Amino acid sequence: MEKKISNWIKEYASLHKIQCLVVGISGGIDSALVSTLSVMTGLPTKIISIPIEQKSDQLKRAKNHAKWLMSKYKNVEFIEKDLTKTYLDFKSLFEPRYQIPLALANSKSRLRMVVLYQIAGSSSGLVVGTGNKVEDFGVGFFTKYGDGGVDISPIADLTKSEVRELAKKLGIAPEIISARPTDGLWTDDRSDEDQIGASYGELEWAMDFLLGSRSAANITDRQKKVIEIYNKFNSSNKHKMVPIPVFRK
């Protein structure tokens, strides 16, 4: 699987005359896997850490992953751009009624996207997405025009379980594989599960069930609750997962 994905990235880059790959790394498993698969193409790969009020453990994992990649491959460039001051300056432009926490968290993600495209645009590169299947096509757990703003999505057909299996196979650090999934957009320790109300394993089950891949017999109360959670997020975030509505004259 890792060779198929890496070759797919390389073939796309070749077709579109891309000179380098740009990947944002957060210290999480998805970005660690995608950056590794990107480097495996042999193409020059820029891995970018973009802390904004970042938790120290997340930043440490990102830097350790960058060091690991650079020790194994020669086509890696690590770049860090701390946008904390930029974000705080941006935030100060708005009066309190426009400083809604969720909107500000999404703005952090969009600022990171701008950095990735600035680097890609200055390097004849493309931005490689790090979203997995449940995030991108199940519950829509990403920021529109933030971490959802990418050129290609190499792991968007892989579940979180498949991401973990592939990460282990490629030797990605256990501290990254075992870390609680988080979007890194909040100053506290909330995880993706805290925000969603269900684990990725549970959401994978719900996605399979609703697609008809799981038996409807003997569903537990918890599973019924997870289906409700999945459907709620899928419905409210549908606008992220479908084409932009266009008026047709």
Protein backbone atom coordinates (compact mmCIF):
# COMPACT_ATOMS: atom_id res chain seq x y z
CA MET A 1 0.00 0.00 0.00
CA GLU A 2 2.77 2.46 0.90
CA LYS A 3 4.42 1.97 -2.50
CA LYS A 4 1.11 2.38 -4.33
CA ILE A 5 0.33 5.65 -2.54
CA SER A 6 3.86 7.02 -2.93
CA ASN A 7 3.89 6.14 -6.64
CA TRP A 8 0.47 7.78 -7.05
CA ILE A 9 1.83 11.01 -5.56
CA LYS A 10 4.91 10.84 -7.78
CA GLU A 11 2.89 10.17 -10.93
CA TYR A 12 0.56 13.09 -10.21
CA ALA A 13 3.53 15.39 -9.62
CA SER A 14 5.18 14.25 -12.84
CA LEU A 15 2.01 14.73 -14.87
CA HIS A 16 1.63 18.30 -13.65
CA LYS A 17 5.37 19.13 -13.78
CA ILE A 18 5.59 19.65 -10.01
CA GLN A 19 9.09 20.25 -8.66
CA CYS A 20 8.49 19.67 -4.95
CA LEU A 21 5.96 18.51 -2.37
CA VAL A 22 4.83 20.59 0.61
CA VAL A 23 3.37 18.94 3.71
CA GLY A 24 2.30 20.54 6.97
CA ILE A 25 3.26 18.42 9.99
CA SER A 26 1.57 18.72 13.37
CA GLY A 27 3.04 15.94 15.50
CA GLY A 28 0.02 13.76 14.68
CA ILE A 29 -0.10 10.42 12.90
CA ASP A 30 -1.86 11.54 9.71
CA SER A 31 0.67 14.23 8.82
CA ALA A 32 3.54 11.97 9.90
CA LEU A 33 2.36 9.27 7.51
CA VAL A 34 1.71 11.64 4.60
CA SER A 35 5.07 13.36 4.99
CA THR A 36 6.79 9.98 5.01
CA LEU A 37 4.92 8.79 1.91
CA SER A 38 5.78 12.07 0.19
CA VAL A 39 9.48 11.78 0.97
CA MET A 40 9.45 8.19 -0.32
CA THR A 41 8.68 9.54 -3.80
CA GLY A 42 12.24 10.83 -4.04
CA LEU A 43 10.96 14.29 -4.91
CA PRO A 44 12.22 17.30 -2.94
CA THR A 45 9.84 17.50 0.02
CA LYS A 46 9.37 20.46 2.33
CA ILE A 47 7.82 19.51 5.68
CA ILE A 48 6.45 22.53 7.47
CA SER A 49 5.71 22.97 11.17
CA ILE A 50 3.44 25.97 11.76
CA PRO A 51 2.88 26.42 15.49
CA ILE A 52 0.19 28.82 16.66
CA GLU A 53 -0.06 28.81 20.45
CA GLN A 54 1.00 25.17 20.06
CA LYS A 55 1.22 22.68 22.91
CA SER A 56 4.86 21.80 23.56
CA ASP A 57 4.36 18.04 23.26
CA GLN A 58 2.78 18.42 19.81
CA LEU A 59 5.63 20.63 18.62
CA LYS A 60 8.23 18.24 20.04
CA ARG A 61 6.69 15.28 18.20
CA ALA A 62 6.68 17.24 14.93
CA LYS A 63 10.36 18.19 15.32
CA ASN A 64 11.35 14.64 16.28
CA HIS A 65 9.54 13.31 13.22
CA ALA A 66 11.35 15.82 11.02
CA LYS A 67 14.72 14.75 12.48
CA TRP A 68 13.83 11.09 11.87
CA LEU A 69 12.93 11.75 8.24
CA MET A 70 16.07 13.80 7.63
CA SER A 71 18.20 11.01 9.10
CA LYS A 72 16.73 8.54 6.59
CA TYR A 73 16.30 10.62 3.44
CA LYS A 74 18.30 13.32 1.67
CA ASN A 75 15.36 14.98 -0.13
CA VAL A 76 13.81 16.51 3.00
CA GLU A 77 13.81 20.15 4.06
CA PHE A 78 12.31 21.06 7.44
CA ILE A 79 10.85 24.55 7.85
CA GLU A 80 9.26 26.05 10.95
CA LYS A 81 7.14 29.20 10.80
CA ASP A 82 5.72 30.25 14.16
CA LEU A 83 2.55 32.22 13.45
CA THR A 84 1.56 32.91 17.05
CA LYS A 85 2.30 36.65 16.81
CA THR A 86 0.68 36.85 13.36
CA TYR A 87 -2.43 35.13 14.72
CA LEU A 88 -2.63 37.39 17.78
CA ASP A 89 -2.25 40.48 15.56
CA PHE A 90 -5.02 39.11 13.34
CA LYS A 91 -7.25 38.41 16.34
CA SER A 92 -6.73 41.95 17.68
CA LEU A 93 -8.29 43.40 14.51
CA PHE A 94 -11.72 42.18 15.63
CA GLU A 95 -13.98 43.39 18.40
CA PRO A 96 -15.22 40.76 20.90
CA ARG A 97 -18.39 39.88 18.97
CA TYR A 98 -16.19 38.60 16.12
CA GLN A 99 -13.89 36.61 18.39
CA ILE A 100 -16.01 33.46 18.63
CA PRO A 101 -13.68 30.62 19.75
CA LEU A 102 -14.58 28.19 16.95
CA ALA A 103 -14.19 30.88 14.28
CA LEU A 104 -10.78 31.79 15.72
CA ALA A 105 -9.72 28.13 15.78
CA ASN A 106 -10.67 27.82 12.11
CA SER A 107 -8.72 31.00 11.35
CA LYS A 108 -5.61 29.33 12.78
CA SER A 109 -6.06 26.50 10.29
CA ARG A 110 -6.56 28.95 7.42
CA LEU A 111 -3.44 30.90 8.34
CA ARG A 112 -1.48 27.66 8.20
CA MET A 113 -2.91 26.94 4.76
CA VAL A 114 -1.69 30.34 3.54
CA VAL A 115 1.85 29.49 4.69
CA LEU A 116 1.81 26.13 2.90
CA TYR A 117 0.64 27.73 -0.35
CA GLN A 118 3.13 30.59 -0.04
CA ILE A 119 5.94 28.06 0.13
CA ALA A 120 4.44 25.83 -2.57
CA GLY A 121 3.77 28.78 -4.86
CA SER A 122 7.36 29.95 -4.48
CA SER A 123 8.79 26.49 -5.17
CA SER A 124 6.69 25.16 -8.07
CA GLY A 125 5.27 22.77 -5.50
CA LEU A 126 1.95 21.33 -4.47
CA VAL A 127 0.33 21.05 -1.07
CA VAL A 128 -0.24 17.46 0.01
CA GLY A 129 -3.30 16.93 2.22
CA THR A 130 -3.26 14.90 5.42
CA GLY A 131 -6.96 14.13 5.97
CA ASN A 132 -8.14 10.53 6.42
CA LYS A 133 -11.36 8.91 5.16
CA VAL A 134 -13.52 9.48 8.25
CA GLU A 135 -12.46 13.12 8.52
CA ASP A 136 -12.78 13.97 4.83
CA PHE A 137 -15.84 11.95 3.81
CA GLY A 138 -17.52 10.85 7.02
CA VAL A 139 -17.88 13.58 9.63
CA GLY A 140 -16.22 16.46 7.77
CA PHE A 141 -13.87 17.14 10.67
CA PHE A 142 -11.64 19.68 8.99
CA THR A 143 -11.57 23.41 8.35
CA LYS A 144 -13.01 24.58 5.05
CA TYR A 145 -10.20 26.39 3.18
CA GLY A 146 -7.89 25.50 6.07
CA ASP A 147 -6.53 21.96 6.37
CA GLY A 148 -9.16 21.15 3.73
CA GLY A 149 -7.37 23.45 1.28
CA VAL A 150 -4.97 21.08 -0.48
CA ASP A 151 -3.98 19.93 -3.97
CA ILE A 152 -4.04 16.16 -3.48
CA SER A 153 -5.26 13.82 -0.70
CA PRO A 154 -3.22 10.61 -0.60
CA ILE A 155 -4.76 9.05 2.54
CA ALA A 156 -8.36 10.25 2.15
CA ASP A 157 -9.45 6.68 1.34
CA LEU A 158 -7.74 5.23 4.42
CA THR A 159 -9.47 4.84 7.78
CA LYS A 160 -7.64 5.83 10.96
CA SER A 161 -7.04 2.13 11.67
CA GLU A 162 -5.40 1.73 8.27
CA VAL A 163 -3.34 4.88 8.88
CA ARG A 164 -2.04 3.38 12.15
CA GLU A 165 -1.18 0.06 10.51
CA LEU A 166 0.74 1.76 7.72
CA ALA A 167 2.51 4.12 10.15
CA LYS A 168 3.71 1.15 12.21
CA LYS A 169 4.92 -0.63 9.08
CA LEU A 170 6.95 2.41 8.03
CA GLY A 171 8.56 2.79 11.45
CA ILE A 172 6.96 6.07 12.47
CA ALA A 173 7.63 6.87 16.14
CA PRO A 174 5.40 5.09 18.68
CA GLU A 175 4.90 8.42 20.50
CA ILE A 176 3.16 9.73 17.37
CA ILE A 177 1.15 6.57 16.74
CA SER A 178 -0.14 6.46 20.32
CA ALA A 179 -0.82 10.20 20.68
CA ARG A 180 -4.46 11.21 21.09
CA PRO A 181 -5.69 12.65 17.77
CA THR A 182 -6.07 16.42 17.96
CA ASP A 183 -6.44 19.25 15.47
CA GLY A 184 -4.04 21.40 17.52
CA LEU A 185 -6.26 24.47 17.22
CA TRP A 186 -7.05 24.96 20.90
CA THR A 187 -4.92 26.11 23.83
CA ASP A 188 -6.23 23.33 26.08
CA ASP A 189 -5.74 19.56 25.70
CA ARG A 190 -9.00 18.74 23.94
CA SER A 191 -8.74 15.87 21.50
CA ASP A 192 -10.75 15.11 18.37
CA GLU A 193 -12.76 12.60 20.41
CA ASP A 194 -13.54 15.28 23.01
CA GLN A 195 -14.92 17.52 20.27
CA ILE A 196 -16.79 14.86 18.34
CA GLY A 197 -18.02 12.67 21.20
CA ALA A 198 -16.83 9.41 19.62
CA SER A 199 -13.52 7.74 18.83
CA TYR A 200 -12.29 7.22 15.27
CA GLY A 201 -12.76 3.49 15.75
CA GLU A 202 -16.41 4.06 16.61
CA LEU A 203 -16.87 6.45 13.69
CA GLU A 204 -15.31 3.92 11.31
CA TRP A 205 -17.84 1.35 12.55
CA ALA A 206 -20.71 3.80 12.00
CA MET A 207 -19.48 4.67 8.51
CA ASP A 208 -19.29 0.99 7.56
CA PHE A 209 -22.69 0.31 9.11
CA LEU A 210 -24.39 3.12 7.22
CA LEU A 211 -22.76 1.97 3.99
CA GLY A 212 -24.21 -1.49 4.57
CA SER A 213 -20.94 -3.19 5.42
CA ARG A 214 -21.94 -4.06 8.99
CA SER A 215 -24.77 -6.22 10.31
CA ALA A 216 -27.77 -4.43 11.82
CA ALA A 217 -28.26 -7.20 14.38
CA ASN A 218 -27.60 -6.67 18.09
CA ILE A 219 -26.68 -2.98 17.95
CA THR A 220 -25.84 -1.63 21.40
CA ASP A 221 -27.11 1.61 22.88
CA ARG A 222 -23.61 3.08 22.51
CA GLN A 223 -23.52 2.14 18.83
CA LYS A 224 -26.90 3.80 18.32
CA LYS A 225 -25.48 6.94 19.95
CA VAL A 226 -22.41 6.84 17.71
CA ILE A 227 -24.63 6.59 14.63
CA GLU A 228 -26.48 9.70 15.83
CA ILE A 229 -23.17 11.52 16.32
CA TYR A 230 -21.92 10.46 12.90
CA ASN A 231 -25.14 11.54 11.17
CA LYS A 232 -25.17 14.88 12.98
CA PHE A 233 -21.63 15.77 11.90
CA ASN A 234 -22.13 14.36 8.41
CA SER A 235 -25.23 16.50 7.93
CA SER A 236 -23.91 19.74 9.43
CA ASN A 237 -20.57 19.46 7.60
CA LYS A 238 -21.97 18.31 4.26
CA HIS A 239 -21.16 21.72 2.74
CA LYS A 240 -17.46 20.89 3.13
CA MET A 241 -17.74 17.54 1.39
CA VAL A 242 -19.71 18.46 -1.73
CA PRO A 243 -18.97 20.92 -4.58
CA ILE A 244 -19.75 24.58 -3.99
CA PRO A 245 -23.32 25.35 -5.09
CA VAL A 246 -23.39 27.21 -8.40
CA PHE A 247 -26.37 29.04 -9.85
CA ARG A 248 -26.97 27.80 -13.38
CA LYS A 249 -28.50 30.38 -15.73
